[in-house]
Amino acid sequence: MRKNYLQYLWMIFLFLLLCSLLIWGIIFVPKVDDKIKIFGIVAVIMAAFTSVLTVTINNRKAKEREYDLHVLKEKQKVYNHFYNTLFVLFSKDKKNKDGLSNRAISEMTQFKQGLMNWGSENLIKEFIKYDSSLVPGREPFEVLIDGDKFLKELRKEMGFNDSKDLSLMSIILDNNARNVLLNKKQ
């Protein structure tokens, strides 16, 4: 942050210096040839200043893009743990097996750890809401609808904008369950 203040201070100083040089050249220099030389000097300084400023801005933007890409990659790793857990649970459910495997527990723990570091406030709230909805005896399709909301929030974190009509959970379900889910949502 301090660099920015120094940079802005330097730009203001340079701008004032160039303005004062122009004013001095216009008002106090009597010869036209000298005025042209002063305007030439100001033009050269402004060109140099503009090129340095352009390079500085481009470097800053490149660093921001690099940082955003790094954060996105880290988020992808974290969210992958959730997807792994989700698919393990659904595959166990299709095989009529109960309980969580050690792998699913480990994946969910890693997801929660990563969520604390990389998740936005909205995503954390949506996860808590989804996690709280996973109570025994609750209608399975209500859980799927809540899971769908959470998956959409995950995708929003990744930069996707999904419509309300898209049901991400329907990817996992078979055709009959998919139709029931879509009917329950409406």
N, C-alpha and C. Protein backbone atom coordinates (compact mmCIF):
# COMPACT_ATOMS: atom_id res chain seq x y z
N MET A 1 0.82 -1.18 0.00
CA MET A 1 0.00 0.00 0.00
C MET A 1 0.87 1.25 0.00
N ARG A 2 1.99 1.18 0.69
CA ARG A 2 2.87 2.33 0.76
C ARG A 2 3.43 2.68 -0.61
N LYS A 3 3.70 1.63 -1.42
CA LYS A 3 4.21 1.87 -2.77
C LYS A 3 3.22 2.69 -3.58
N ASN A 4 1.94 2.38 -3.41
CA ASN A 4 0.92 3.12 -4.16
C ASN A 4 0.93 4.60 -3.78
N TYR A 5 1.04 4.90 -2.51
CA TYR A 5 1.07 6.30 -2.09
C TYR A 5 2.28 7.02 -2.67
N LEU A 6 3.43 6.35 -2.62
CA LEU A 6 4.62 6.95 -3.19
C LEU A 6 4.47 7.15 -4.70
N GLN A 7 3.87 6.19 -5.34
CA GLN A 7 3.68 6.30 -6.79
C GLN A 7 2.74 7.46 -7.12
N TYR A 8 1.64 7.56 -6.37
CA TYR A 8 0.71 8.66 -6.60
C TYR A 8 1.35 10.00 -6.28
N LEU A 9 2.11 10.04 -5.22
CA LEU A 9 2.81 11.28 -4.85
C LEU A 9 3.80 11.67 -5.95
N TRP A 10 4.52 10.68 -6.47
CA TRP A 10 5.47 10.94 -7.54
C TRP A 10 4.76 11.43 -8.81
N MET A 11 3.62 10.84 -9.13
CA MET A 11 2.88 11.27 -10.32
C MET A 11 2.36 12.70 -10.14
N ILE A 12 1.89 13.02 -8.97
CA ILE A 12 1.40 14.39 -8.71
C ILE A 12 2.54 15.38 -8.82
N PHE A 13 3.68 15.02 -8.24
CA PHE A 13 4.85 15.90 -8.30
C PHE A 13 5.27 16.13 -9.75
N LEU A 14 5.34 15.05 -10.53
CA LEU A 14 5.74 15.16 -11.93
C LEU A 14 4.73 15.98 -12.74
N PHE A 15 3.46 15.76 -12.49
CA PHE A 15 2.42 16.52 -13.17
C PHE A 15 2.54 18.01 -12.85
N LEU A 16 2.74 18.34 -11.57
CA LEU A 16 2.89 19.74 -11.18
C LEU A 16 4.15 20.35 -11.79
N LEU A 17 5.22 19.56 -11.84
CA LEU A 17 6.46 20.04 -12.44
C LEU A 17 6.26 20.34 -13.93
N LEU A 18 5.59 19.46 -14.64
CA LEU A 18 5.34 19.69 -16.06
C LEU A 18 4.41 20.88 -16.28
N CYS A 19 3.40 21.01 -15.44
CA CYS A 19 2.48 22.16 -15.57
C CYS A 19 3.23 23.47 -15.29
N SER A 20 4.05 23.46 -14.27
CA SER A 20 4.80 24.69 -13.96
C SER A 20 5.80 25.01 -15.07
N LEU A 21 6.40 23.99 -15.66
CA LEU A 21 7.32 24.20 -16.78
C LEU A 21 6.58 24.79 -17.98
N LEU A 22 5.38 24.29 -18.25
CA LEU A 22 4.58 24.84 -19.34
C LEU A 22 4.17 26.29 -19.06
N ILE A 23 3.72 26.55 -17.86
CA ILE A 23 3.31 27.92 -17.50
C ILE A 23 4.50 28.87 -17.58
N TRP A 24 5.64 28.41 -17.06
CA TRP A 24 6.85 29.23 -17.13
C TRP A 24 7.21 29.52 -18.59
N GLY A 25 7.12 28.46 -19.43
CA GLY A 25 7.45 28.63 -20.85
C GLY A 25 6.50 29.58 -21.56
N ILE A 26 5.24 29.53 -21.21
CA ILE A 26 4.25 30.39 -21.87
C ILE A 26 4.36 31.84 -21.40
N ILE A 27 4.51 32.02 -20.11
CA ILE A 27 4.44 33.39 -19.55
C ILE A 27 5.80 34.09 -19.54
N PHE A 28 6.83 33.42 -19.10
CA PHE A 28 8.09 34.10 -18.82
C PHE A 28 9.15 34.00 -19.91
N VAL A 29 8.99 33.15 -20.87
CA VAL A 29 9.98 33.03 -21.94
C VAL A 29 9.51 33.87 -23.13
N PRO A 30 10.32 34.89 -23.51
CA PRO A 30 9.87 35.81 -24.56
C PRO A 30 10.04 35.27 -25.97
N LYS A 31 11.10 34.50 -26.23
CA LYS A 31 11.39 34.05 -27.59
C LYS A 31 10.54 32.83 -27.97
N VAL A 32 10.06 32.84 -29.19
CA VAL A 32 9.25 31.73 -29.69
C VAL A 32 10.09 30.46 -29.82
N ASP A 33 11.34 30.57 -30.26
CA ASP A 33 12.21 29.40 -30.40
C ASP A 33 12.42 28.72 -29.04
N ASP A 34 12.62 29.52 -28.00
CA ASP A 34 12.80 28.95 -26.65
C ASP A 34 11.52 28.28 -26.16
N LYS A 35 10.38 28.89 -26.49
CA LYS A 35 9.10 28.29 -26.09
C LYS A 35 8.92 26.92 -26.76
N ILE A 36 9.30 26.85 -28.04
CA ILE A 36 9.18 25.58 -28.77
C ILE A 36 10.09 24.53 -28.14
N LYS A 37 11.30 24.93 -27.73
CA LYS A 37 12.22 24.00 -27.08
C LYS A 37 11.64 23.51 -25.76
N ILE A 38 11.04 24.41 -24.99
CA ILE A 38 10.45 24.02 -23.70
C ILE A 38 9.29 23.06 -23.94
N PHE A 39 8.44 23.36 -24.93
CA PHE A 39 7.33 22.46 -25.24
C PHE A 39 7.84 21.09 -25.71
N GLY A 40 8.94 21.09 -26.43
CA GLY A 40 9.56 19.83 -26.87
C GLY A 40 10.05 19.01 -25.69
N ILE A 41 10.69 19.70 -24.74
CA ILE A 41 11.18 19.02 -23.53
C ILE A 41 10.00 18.43 -22.75
N VAL A 42 8.94 19.23 -22.60
CA VAL A 42 7.76 18.76 -21.88
C VAL A 42 7.15 17.56 -22.60
N ALA A 43 7.09 17.61 -23.93
CA ALA A 43 6.52 16.50 -24.70
C ALA A 43 7.35 15.23 -24.52
N VAL A 44 8.67 15.36 -24.52
CA VAL A 44 9.54 14.19 -24.33
C VAL A 44 9.35 13.62 -22.92
N ILE A 45 9.30 14.50 -21.93
CA ILE A 45 9.11 14.03 -20.55
C ILE A 45 7.75 13.35 -20.41
N MET A 46 6.72 13.92 -21.03
CA MET A 46 5.39 13.32 -20.96
C MET A 46 5.36 11.96 -21.66
N ALA A 47 6.05 11.83 -22.77
CA ALA A 47 6.10 10.54 -23.47
C ALA A 47 6.81 9.50 -22.61
N ALA A 48 7.91 9.89 -22.00
CA ALA A 48 8.63 8.96 -21.11
C ALA A 48 7.77 8.60 -19.91
N PHE A 49 7.14 9.59 -19.35
CA PHE A 49 6.27 9.37 -18.20
C PHE A 49 5.12 8.43 -18.55
N THR A 50 4.53 8.63 -19.70
CA THR A 50 3.41 7.79 -20.14
C THR A 50 3.86 6.35 -20.36
N SER A 51 5.02 6.17 -20.97
CA SER A 51 5.50 4.80 -21.21
C SER A 51 5.83 4.09 -19.90
N VAL A 52 6.46 4.81 -18.97
CA VAL A 52 6.77 4.20 -17.66
C VAL A 52 5.49 3.86 -16.92
N LEU A 53 4.53 4.77 -16.97
CA LEU A 53 3.25 4.53 -16.31
C LEU A 53 2.52 3.34 -16.93
N THR A 54 2.56 3.22 -18.24
CA THR A 54 1.93 2.10 -18.92
C THR A 54 2.56 0.78 -18.52
N VAL A 55 3.89 0.73 -18.49
CA VAL A 55 4.59 -0.49 -18.09
C VAL A 55 4.26 -0.84 -16.64
N THR A 56 4.22 0.16 -15.78
CA THR A 56 3.90 -0.08 -14.37
C THR A 56 2.50 -0.65 -14.20
N ILE A 57 1.55 -0.07 -14.89
CA ILE A 57 0.17 -0.54 -14.80
C ILE A 57 0.06 -1.96 -15.35
N ASN A 58 0.71 -2.23 -16.47
CA ASN A 58 0.67 -3.58 -17.05
C ASN A 58 1.29 -4.60 -16.12
N ASN A 59 2.39 -4.25 -15.47
CA ASN A 59 3.03 -5.18 -14.53
C ASN A 59 2.12 -5.46 -13.34
N ARG A 60 1.48 -4.43 -12.83
CA ARG A 60 0.57 -4.61 -11.70
C ARG A 60 -0.61 -5.50 -12.08
N LYS A 61 -1.17 -5.25 -13.26
CA LYS A 61 -2.29 -6.07 -13.73
C LYS A 61 -1.87 -7.52 -13.95
N ALA A 62 -0.66 -7.71 -14.46
CA ALA A 62 -0.16 -9.08 -14.67
C ALA A 62 0.01 -9.80 -13.33
N LYS A 63 0.50 -9.09 -12.32
CA LYS A 63 0.63 -9.70 -10.99
C LYS A 63 -0.73 -10.03 -10.41
N GLU A 64 -1.71 -9.15 -10.61
CA GLU A 64 -3.06 -9.42 -10.12
C GLU A 64 -3.65 -10.64 -10.81
N ARG A 65 -3.47 -10.74 -12.13
CA ARG A 65 -3.98 -11.91 -12.85
C ARG A 65 -3.30 -13.18 -12.38
N GLU A 66 -2.00 -13.11 -12.15
CA GLU A 66 -1.24 -14.27 -11.68
C GLU A 66 -1.75 -14.70 -10.29
N TYR A 67 -1.97 -13.72 -9.43
CA TYR A 67 -2.48 -14.01 -8.09
C TYR A 67 -3.88 -14.62 -8.17
N ASP A 68 -4.76 -14.04 -9.00
CA ASP A 68 -6.11 -14.57 -9.15
C ASP A 68 -6.10 -15.99 -9.69
N LEU A 69 -5.20 -16.27 -10.61
CA LEU A 69 -5.08 -17.62 -11.15
C LEU A 69 -4.62 -18.60 -10.07
N HIS A 70 -3.66 -18.16 -9.26
CA HIS A 70 -3.18 -19.01 -8.17
C HIS A 70 -4.31 -19.31 -7.19
N VAL A 71 -5.07 -18.29 -6.83
CA VAL A 71 -6.19 -18.49 -5.90
C VAL A 71 -7.22 -19.43 -6.51
N LEU A 72 -7.51 -19.27 -7.80
CA LEU A 72 -8.46 -20.13 -8.47
C LEU A 72 -8.00 -21.58 -8.45
N LYS A 73 -6.72 -21.81 -8.70
CA LYS A 73 -6.18 -23.18 -8.67
C LYS A 73 -6.29 -23.79 -7.28
N GLU A 74 -6.01 -22.99 -6.26
CA GLU A 74 -6.12 -23.49 -4.89
C GLU A 74 -7.57 -23.81 -4.54
N LYS A 75 -8.48 -22.95 -4.99
CA LYS A 75 -9.90 -23.21 -4.75
C LYS A 75 -10.33 -24.49 -5.45
N GLN A 76 -9.84 -24.71 -6.67
CA GLN A 76 -10.19 -25.92 -7.40
C GLN A 76 -9.75 -27.16 -6.63
N LYS A 77 -8.56 -27.12 -6.06
CA LYS A 77 -8.07 -28.26 -5.27
C LYS A 77 -8.98 -28.52 -4.08
N VAL A 78 -9.37 -27.45 -3.39
CA VAL A 78 -10.21 -27.58 -2.22
C VAL A 78 -11.58 -28.13 -2.61
N TYR A 79 -12.17 -27.56 -3.64
CA TYR A 79 -13.51 -27.96 -4.04
C TYR A 79 -13.53 -29.37 -4.58
N ASN A 80 -12.42 -29.82 -5.11
CA ASN A 80 -12.31 -31.18 -5.60
C ASN A 80 -12.51 -32.19 -4.45
N HIS A 81 -12.08 -31.82 -3.24
CA HIS A 81 -12.29 -32.70 -2.08
C HIS A 81 -13.78 -32.88 -1.82
N PHE A 82 -14.54 -31.81 -1.96
CA PHE A 82 -15.99 -31.93 -1.76
C PHE A 82 -16.60 -32.83 -2.82
N TYR A 83 -16.21 -32.63 -4.07
CA TYR A 83 -16.75 -33.45 -5.15
C TYR A 83 -16.40 -34.92 -4.94
N ASN A 84 -15.17 -35.19 -4.49
CA ASN A 84 -14.78 -36.58 -4.22
C ASN A 84 -15.68 -37.19 -3.16
N THR A 85 -15.94 -36.44 -2.09
CA THR A 85 -16.81 -36.94 -1.03
C THR A 85 -18.22 -37.17 -1.56
N LEU A 86 -18.72 -36.22 -2.31
CA LEU A 86 -20.08 -36.33 -2.85
C LEU A 86 -20.23 -37.56 -3.72
N PHE A 87 -19.27 -37.81 -4.59
CA PHE A 87 -19.39 -38.96 -5.49
C PHE A 87 -19.19 -40.27 -4.74
N VAL A 88 -18.37 -40.29 -3.70
CA VAL A 88 -18.24 -41.50 -2.89
C VAL A 88 -19.57 -41.79 -2.21
N LEU A 89 -20.22 -40.76 -1.67
CA LEU A 89 -21.51 -40.96 -1.00
C LEU A 89 -22.57 -41.46 -1.97
N PHE A 90 -22.63 -40.88 -3.14
CA PHE A 90 -23.63 -41.31 -4.12
C PHE A 90 -23.35 -42.72 -4.63
N SER A 91 -22.09 -43.06 -4.80
CA SER A 91 -21.80 -44.42 -5.27
C SER A 91 -22.14 -45.44 -4.18
N LYS A 92 -21.92 -45.09 -2.91
CA LYS A 92 -22.31 -45.99 -1.81
C LYS A 92 -23.82 -46.13 -1.74
N ASP A 93 -24.51 -44.99 -1.97
CA ASP A 93 -25.97 -45.01 -1.91
C ASP A 93 -26.54 -45.89 -3.02
N LYS A 94 -25.94 -45.82 -4.20
CA LYS A 94 -26.42 -46.65 -5.31
C LYS A 94 -26.18 -48.13 -5.04
N LYS A 95 -25.13 -48.42 -4.26
CA LYS A 95 -24.82 -49.81 -3.91
C LYS A 95 -25.54 -50.24 -2.63
N ASN A 96 -26.39 -49.35 -2.10
CA ASN A 96 -27.14 -49.59 -0.86
C ASN A 96 -26.23 -49.87 0.33
N LYS A 97 -25.13 -49.16 0.42
CA LYS A 97 -24.23 -49.28 1.56
C LYS A 97 -24.42 -48.05 2.43
N ASP A 98 -24.36 -48.25 3.74
CA ASP A 98 -24.52 -47.15 4.68
C ASP A 98 -23.16 -46.73 5.24
N GLY A 99 -23.13 -45.52 5.79
CA GLY A 99 -21.94 -45.04 6.47
C GLY A 99 -20.95 -44.38 5.53
N LEU A 100 -20.02 -43.69 6.14
CA LEU A 100 -18.98 -42.98 5.40
C LEU A 100 -17.69 -43.78 5.45
N SER A 101 -17.02 -43.86 4.34
CA SER A 101 -15.73 -44.53 4.32
C SER A 101 -14.67 -43.59 4.91
N ASN A 102 -13.54 -44.15 5.27
CA ASN A 102 -12.44 -43.33 5.78
C ASN A 102 -11.99 -42.31 4.75
N ARG A 103 -12.02 -42.72 3.50
CA ARG A 103 -11.63 -41.81 2.41
C ARG A 103 -12.59 -40.61 2.35
N ALA A 104 -13.90 -40.88 2.45
CA ALA A 104 -14.88 -39.80 2.38
C ALA A 104 -14.72 -38.86 3.57
N ILE A 105 -14.48 -39.40 4.74
CA ILE A 105 -14.28 -38.57 5.93
C ILE A 105 -13.03 -37.71 5.76
N SER A 106 -11.96 -38.31 5.26
CA SER A 106 -10.71 -37.58 5.04
C SER A 106 -10.90 -36.47 4.01
N GLU A 107 -11.59 -36.78 2.92
CA GLU A 107 -11.84 -35.78 1.88
C GLU A 107 -12.67 -34.62 2.42
N MET A 108 -13.70 -34.94 3.21
CA MET A 108 -14.55 -33.88 3.76
C MET A 108 -13.78 -33.03 4.75
N THR A 109 -12.91 -33.64 5.53
CA THR A 109 -12.08 -32.88 6.47
C THR A 109 -11.15 -31.94 5.71
N GLN A 110 -10.54 -32.44 4.66
CA GLN A 110 -9.66 -31.59 3.85
C GLN A 110 -10.45 -30.47 3.18
N PHE A 111 -11.67 -30.77 2.76
CA PHE A 111 -12.51 -29.72 2.17
C PHE A 111 -12.81 -28.64 3.20
N LYS A 112 -13.17 -29.02 4.40
CA LYS A 112 -13.50 -28.04 5.43
C LYS A 112 -12.28 -27.19 5.80
N GLN A 113 -11.12 -27.83 5.86
CA GLN A 113 -9.90 -27.07 6.14
C GLN A 113 -9.63 -26.06 5.02
N GLY A 114 -9.75 -26.51 3.80
CA GLY A 114 -9.52 -25.62 2.67
C GLY A 114 -10.57 -24.53 2.57
N LEU A 115 -11.81 -24.86 2.92
CA LEU A 115 -12.90 -23.89 2.87
C LEU A 115 -12.62 -22.73 3.83
N MET A 116 -12.03 -23.03 4.97
CA MET A 116 -11.70 -21.96 5.92
C MET A 116 -10.67 -21.01 5.33
N ASN A 117 -9.76 -21.52 4.51
CA ASN A 117 -8.72 -20.67 3.91
C ASN A 117 -9.18 -19.97 2.64
N TRP A 118 -9.87 -20.69 1.77
CA TRP A 118 -10.10 -20.20 0.42
C TRP A 118 -11.55 -19.86 0.12
N GLY A 119 -12.47 -20.21 0.99
CA GLY A 119 -13.88 -19.97 0.71
C GLY A 119 -14.32 -18.56 1.07
N SER A 120 -15.22 -18.02 0.27
CA SER A 120 -15.77 -16.70 0.57
C SER A 120 -16.80 -16.83 1.69
N GLU A 121 -17.21 -15.71 2.21
CA GLU A 121 -18.20 -15.71 3.29
C GLU A 121 -19.51 -16.35 2.82
N ASN A 122 -19.95 -16.00 1.61
CA ASN A 122 -21.18 -16.59 1.07
C ASN A 122 -21.08 -18.10 0.95
N LEU A 123 -19.94 -18.57 0.46
CA LEU A 123 -19.77 -20.01 0.27
C LEU A 123 -19.77 -20.73 1.61
N ILE A 124 -19.12 -20.17 2.59
CA ILE A 124 -19.09 -20.79 3.92
C ILE A 124 -20.51 -20.86 4.50
N LYS A 125 -21.28 -19.78 4.33
CA LYS A 125 -22.66 -19.77 4.82
C LYS A 125 -23.50 -20.83 4.10
N GLU A 126 -23.33 -20.93 2.78
CA GLU A 126 -24.08 -21.93 2.02
C GLU A 126 -23.69 -23.35 2.43
N PHE A 127 -22.40 -23.57 2.71
CA PHE A 127 -21.98 -24.90 3.14
C PHE A 127 -22.57 -25.24 4.49
N ILE A 128 -22.56 -24.28 5.41
CA ILE A 128 -23.13 -24.54 6.75
C ILE A 128 -24.62 -24.85 6.62
N LYS A 129 -25.31 -24.11 5.75
CA LYS A 129 -26.73 -24.37 5.53
C LYS A 129 -26.93 -25.77 4.94
N TYR A 130 -26.09 -26.13 3.97
CA TYR A 130 -26.19 -27.45 3.34
C TYR A 130 -25.85 -28.54 4.35
N ASP A 131 -24.78 -28.36 5.09
CA ASP A 131 -24.34 -29.35 6.07
C ASP A 131 -25.41 -29.54 7.15
N SER A 132 -26.06 -28.45 7.53
CA SER A 132 -27.12 -28.53 8.54
C SER A 132 -28.35 -29.25 8.02
N SER A 133 -28.53 -29.26 6.71
CA SER A 133 -29.70 -29.93 6.12
C SER A 133 -29.52 -31.44 6.06
N LEU A 134 -28.33 -31.92 6.32
CA LEU A 134 -28.07 -33.36 6.24
C LEU A 134 -28.43 -34.07 7.54
N VAL A 135 -29.70 -34.04 7.87
CA VAL A 135 -30.18 -34.69 9.09
C VAL A 135 -30.93 -35.96 8.71
N PRO A 136 -30.85 -36.99 9.54
CA PRO A 136 -31.57 -38.24 9.24
C PRO A 136 -33.08 -38.01 9.20
N GLY A 137 -33.73 -38.70 8.29
CA GLY A 137 -35.18 -38.64 8.18
C GLY A 137 -35.69 -37.51 7.28
N ARG A 138 -34.80 -36.67 6.82
CA ARG A 138 -35.23 -35.58 5.95
C ARG A 138 -35.48 -36.12 4.55
N GLU A 139 -36.42 -35.52 3.86
CA GLU A 139 -36.75 -35.92 2.49
C GLU A 139 -35.49 -35.85 1.62
N PRO A 140 -35.09 -36.94 0.96
CA PRO A 140 -33.85 -36.94 0.17
C PRO A 140 -33.81 -35.88 -0.92
N PHE A 141 -34.95 -35.60 -1.53
CA PHE A 141 -34.94 -34.62 -2.61
C PHE A 141 -34.77 -33.20 -2.09
N GLU A 142 -35.19 -32.95 -0.86
CA GLU A 142 -34.93 -31.64 -0.25
C GLU A 142 -33.43 -31.45 -0.02
N VAL A 143 -32.78 -32.53 0.39
CA VAL A 143 -31.33 -32.49 0.58
C VAL A 143 -30.64 -32.25 -0.76
N LEU A 144 -31.14 -32.88 -1.81
CA LEU A 144 -30.57 -32.69 -3.15
C LEU A 144 -30.75 -31.26 -3.62
N ILE A 145 -31.89 -30.66 -3.34
CA ILE A 145 -32.13 -29.27 -3.73
C ILE A 145 -31.16 -28.34 -3.00
N ASP A 146 -30.98 -28.59 -1.68
CA ASP A 146 -30.01 -27.79 -0.92
C ASP A 146 -28.59 -28.01 -1.44
N GLY A 147 -28.29 -29.27 -1.80
CA GLY A 147 -26.98 -29.56 -2.37
C GLY A 147 -26.77 -28.86 -3.69
N ASP A 148 -27.84 -28.76 -4.47
CA ASP A 148 -27.77 -28.06 -5.74
C ASP A 148 -27.45 -26.59 -5.54
N LYS A 149 -28.07 -25.97 -4.54
CA LYS A 149 -27.78 -24.57 -4.23
C LYS A 149 -26.32 -24.40 -3.84
N PHE A 150 -25.82 -25.33 -3.04
CA PHE A 150 -24.41 -25.25 -2.62
C PHE A 150 -23.47 -25.44 -3.81
N LEU A 151 -23.78 -26.38 -4.68
CA LEU A 151 -22.93 -26.59 -5.86
C LEU A 151 -22.91 -25.36 -6.77
N LYS A 152 -24.05 -24.70 -6.89
CA LYS A 152 -24.10 -23.47 -7.69
C LYS A 152 -23.23 -22.39 -7.05
N GLU A 153 -23.23 -22.33 -5.72
CA GLU A 153 -22.38 -21.35 -5.04
C GLU A 153 -20.90 -21.69 -5.25
N LEU A 154 -20.57 -22.98 -5.25
CA LEU A 154 -19.19 -23.40 -5.56
C LEU A 154 -18.80 -22.93 -6.95
N ARG A 155 -19.68 -23.14 -7.90
CA ARG A 155 -19.39 -22.74 -9.27
C ARG A 155 -19.30 -21.23 -9.41
N LYS A 156 -20.09 -20.51 -8.64
CA LYS A 156 -20.02 -19.05 -8.67
C LYS A 156 -18.64 -18.59 -8.19
N GLU A 157 -18.11 -19.28 -7.19
CA GLU A 157 -16.76 -18.97 -6.70
C GLU A 157 -15.71 -19.18 -7.78
N MET A 158 -15.99 -20.13 -8.67
CA MET A 158 -15.04 -20.45 -9.73
C MET A 158 -15.22 -19.54 -10.94
N GLY A 159 -16.23 -18.67 -10.89
CA GLY A 159 -16.41 -17.71 -11.97
C GLY A 159 -17.53 -18.04 -12.93
N PHE A 160 -18.31 -19.09 -12.64
CA PHE A 160 -19.42 -19.47 -13.51
C PHE A 160 -20.70 -18.81 -13.02
N ASN A 161 -21.57 -18.46 -13.94
CA ASN A 161 -22.89 -17.93 -13.61
C ASN A 161 -23.92 -18.91 -14.14
N ASP A 162 -24.53 -19.67 -13.23
CA ASP A 162 -25.51 -20.67 -13.64
C ASP A 162 -26.92 -20.10 -13.52
N SER A 163 -27.78 -20.50 -14.43
CA SER A 163 -29.17 -20.05 -14.37
C SER A 163 -29.91 -20.83 -13.28
N LYS A 164 -31.07 -20.33 -12.93
CA LYS A 164 -31.88 -21.01 -11.91
C LYS A 164 -32.39 -22.35 -12.42
N ASP A 165 -32.50 -22.49 -13.73
CA ASP A 165 -33.04 -23.71 -14.32
C ASP A 165 -32.05 -24.88 -14.27
N LEU A 166 -30.77 -24.58 -14.16
CA LEU A 166 -29.75 -25.64 -14.16
C LEU A 166 -29.78 -26.39 -12.83
N SER A 167 -29.83 -27.71 -12.92
CA SER A 167 -29.78 -28.55 -11.74
C SER A 167 -28.51 -29.39 -11.81
N LEU A 168 -27.53 -29.01 -11.04
CA LEU A 168 -26.25 -29.72 -11.08
C LEU A 168 -26.35 -31.12 -10.49
N MET A 169 -27.20 -31.29 -9.50
CA MET A 169 -27.36 -32.60 -8.89
C MET A 169 -27.94 -33.61 -9.87
N SER A 170 -28.63 -33.12 -10.89
CA SER A 170 -29.23 -34.05 -11.85
C SER A 170 -28.18 -34.79 -12.65
N ILE A 171 -26.95 -34.31 -12.65
CA ILE A 171 -25.86 -35.01 -13.34
C ILE A 171 -25.62 -36.37 -12.68
N ILE A 172 -25.76 -36.40 -11.37
CA ILE A 172 -25.45 -37.60 -10.60
C ILE A 172 -26.59 -38.61 -10.63
N LEU A 173 -27.80 -38.12 -10.77
CA LEU A 173 -28.98 -38.97 -10.64
C LEU A 173 -29.29 -39.72 -11.93
N ASP A 174 -30.06 -40.81 -11.76
CA ASP A 174 -30.56 -41.49 -12.96
C ASP A 174 -31.77 -40.73 -13.49
N ASN A 175 -32.31 -41.16 -14.62
CA ASN A 175 -33.35 -40.41 -15.31
C ASN A 175 -34.61 -40.23 -14.45
N ASN A 176 -35.06 -41.31 -13.78
CA ASN A 176 -36.29 -41.21 -12.96
C ASN A 176 -36.08 -40.24 -11.80
N ALA A 177 -34.99 -40.37 -11.10
CA ALA A 177 -34.71 -39.48 -9.96
C ALA A 177 -34.53 -38.04 -10.44
N ARG A 178 -33.94 -37.87 -11.60
CA ARG A 178 -33.75 -36.53 -12.16
C ARG A 178 -35.10 -35.86 -12.42
N ASN A 179 -36.03 -36.61 -12.98
CA ASN A 179 -37.37 -36.06 -13.25
C ASN A 179 -38.08 -35.69 -11.95
N VAL A 180 -37.96 -36.53 -10.94
CA VAL A 180 -38.59 -36.24 -9.64
C VAL A 180 -37.97 -34.98 -9.04
N LEU A 181 -36.65 -34.86 -9.13
CA LEU A 181 -35.97 -33.68 -8.58
C LEU A 181 -36.43 -32.41 -9.29
N LEU A 182 -36.50 -32.47 -10.62
CA LEU A 182 -36.92 -31.28 -11.36
C LEU A 182 -38.37 -30.90 -11.04
N ASN A 183 -39.24 -31.89 -10.84
CA ASN A 183 -40.63 -31.62 -10.48
C ASN A 183 -40.74 -31.04 -9.08
N LYS A 184 -39.92 -31.51 -8.15
CA LYS A 184 -39.94 -30.99 -6.77
C LYS A 184 -39.44 -29.55 -6.72
N LYS A 185 -38.49 -29.21 -7.59
CA LYS A 185 -37.95 -27.84 -7.60
C LYS A 185 -38.98 -26.84 -8.06
N GLN A 186 -39.89 -27.29 -8.91
CA GLN A 186 -40.90 -26.37 -9.46
C GLN A 186 -42.04 -26.29 -8.54
